[in-house]
Protein backbone atom coordinates (compact mmCIF):
# COMPACT_ATOMS: atom_id res chain seq x y z
CA UNK A 1 -13.35 7.85 -13.54
CA UNK A 2 -9.74 6.78 -13.98
CA UNK A 3 -7.91 4.87 -11.28
CA UNK A 4 -5.11 6.39 -9.28
CA UNK A 5 -1.93 4.67 -8.00
CA UNK A 6 -1.38 4.69 -4.23
CA UNK A 7 1.64 3.92 -2.07
CA UNK A 8 0.92 2.82 1.54
CA UNK A 9 3.74 2.25 3.89
CA UNK A 10 3.14 -0.09 6.86
CA UNK A 11 5.27 -0.56 9.91
CA UNK A 12 4.92 -4.34 9.88
CA UNK A 13 6.82 -6.67 7.57
CA UNK A 14 4.42 -8.74 5.51
CA UNK A 15 5.12 -11.82 3.47
CA UNK A 16 4.16 -11.83 -0.27
CA UNK A 17 1.29 -14.29 0.49
CA UNK A 18 -0.64 -11.26 1.83
CA UNK A 19 -1.05 -9.87 -1.77
CA UNK A 20 -4.59 -11.37 -2.09
CA UNK A 21 -5.66 -9.63 1.15
CA UNK A 22 -4.70 -6.25 -0.38
CA UNK A 23 -6.57 -6.04 -3.62
CA UNK A 24 -3.62 -7.47 -5.59
CA UNK A 25 -1.41 -4.52 -4.70
CA UNK A 26 2.33 -5.11 -4.96
CA UNK A 27 3.98 -5.76 -1.54
CA UNK A 28 7.53 -4.60 -1.19
CA UNK A 29 9.73 -4.89 1.91
CA UNK A 30 11.32 -1.75 3.34
CA UNK A 31 14.85 -1.97 4.48
CA UNK A 32 14.95 -2.14 8.28
CA UNK A 33 11.46 -3.68 8.48
CA UNK A 34 8.02 -2.75 7.19
CA UNK A 35 6.18 -3.10 3.91
CA UNK A 36 5.05 -0.85 1.13
CA UNK A 37 1.76 -1.66 -0.71
CA UNK A 38 1.60 -0.06 -4.17
CA UNK A 39 -0.77 -0.18 -7.08
CA UNK A 40 -3.84 1.25 -8.71
CA UNK A 41 -7.17 1.49 -6.95
CA UNK A 42 -10.28 2.25 -9.06
CA UNK A 43 -11.88 4.86 -6.76
CA UNK A 44 -12.08 6.36 -3.31
CA UNK A 45 -14.46 3.61 -2.08
CA UNK A 46 -11.66 1.03 -2.93
CA UNK A 47 -9.10 3.16 -1.05
CA UNK A 48 -11.43 3.41 1.94
CA UNK A 49 -12.05 -0.27 1.90
CA UNK A 50 -8.40 -1.04 1.77
CA UNK A 51 -7.61 1.27 4.68
CA UNK A 52 -10.42 -0.33 6.71
CA UNK A 53 -8.88 -3.75 6.00
CA UNK A 54 -5.46 -2.57 7.23
CA UNK A 55 -7.15 -1.14 10.33
CA UNK A 56 -9.08 -4.43 10.92
CA UNK A 57 -5.75 -6.36 10.74
CA UNK A 58 -4.34 -4.06 13.41
CA UNK A 59 -1.44 -2.95 11.11
CA UNK A 60 0.23 0.44 11.50
CA UNK A 61 0.03 2.86 8.63
CA UNK A 62 3.08 5.09 8.38
CA UNK A 63 2.10 6.97 5.16
CA UNK A 64 -0.51 7.01 2.41
CA UNK A 65 0.41 8.77 -0.77
CA UNK A 66 -1.39 9.11 -4.15
CA UNK A 67 1.32 9.02 -6.82
CA UNK A 68 1.20 11.66 -9.55
CA UNK A 69 0.12 10.43 -12.93
CA UNK A 70 3.01 8.67 -14.69
CA UNK A 71 5.07 8.17 -11.55
CA UNK A 72 6.08 4.67 -10.81
CA UNK A 73 6.34 3.02 -7.39
CA UNK A 74 9.59 3.71 -5.60
CA UNK A 75 9.30 2.53 -1.96
CA UNK A 76 11.61 4.37 0.37
CA UNK A 77 14.33 2.02 1.36
CA UNK A 78 15.28 4.05 4.42
CA UNK A 79 13.49 4.66 7.71
């Protein structure tokens, strides 16, 4: 089963050192605060585990989006 690329926007601003906590996903700041996590996840279990980790860290999820095949990450710079 092929992996899918996900984009998860968080309300909290995270420093790049958090990358290891989020399965190596790219962390990108959002203008005005917040962070976007983006990258491939191998399956639904990996997505579920990542969402649980976000929940356990008491972070606020604003959006979760699976990117269409071939689309690259483009975090929204506005909020």
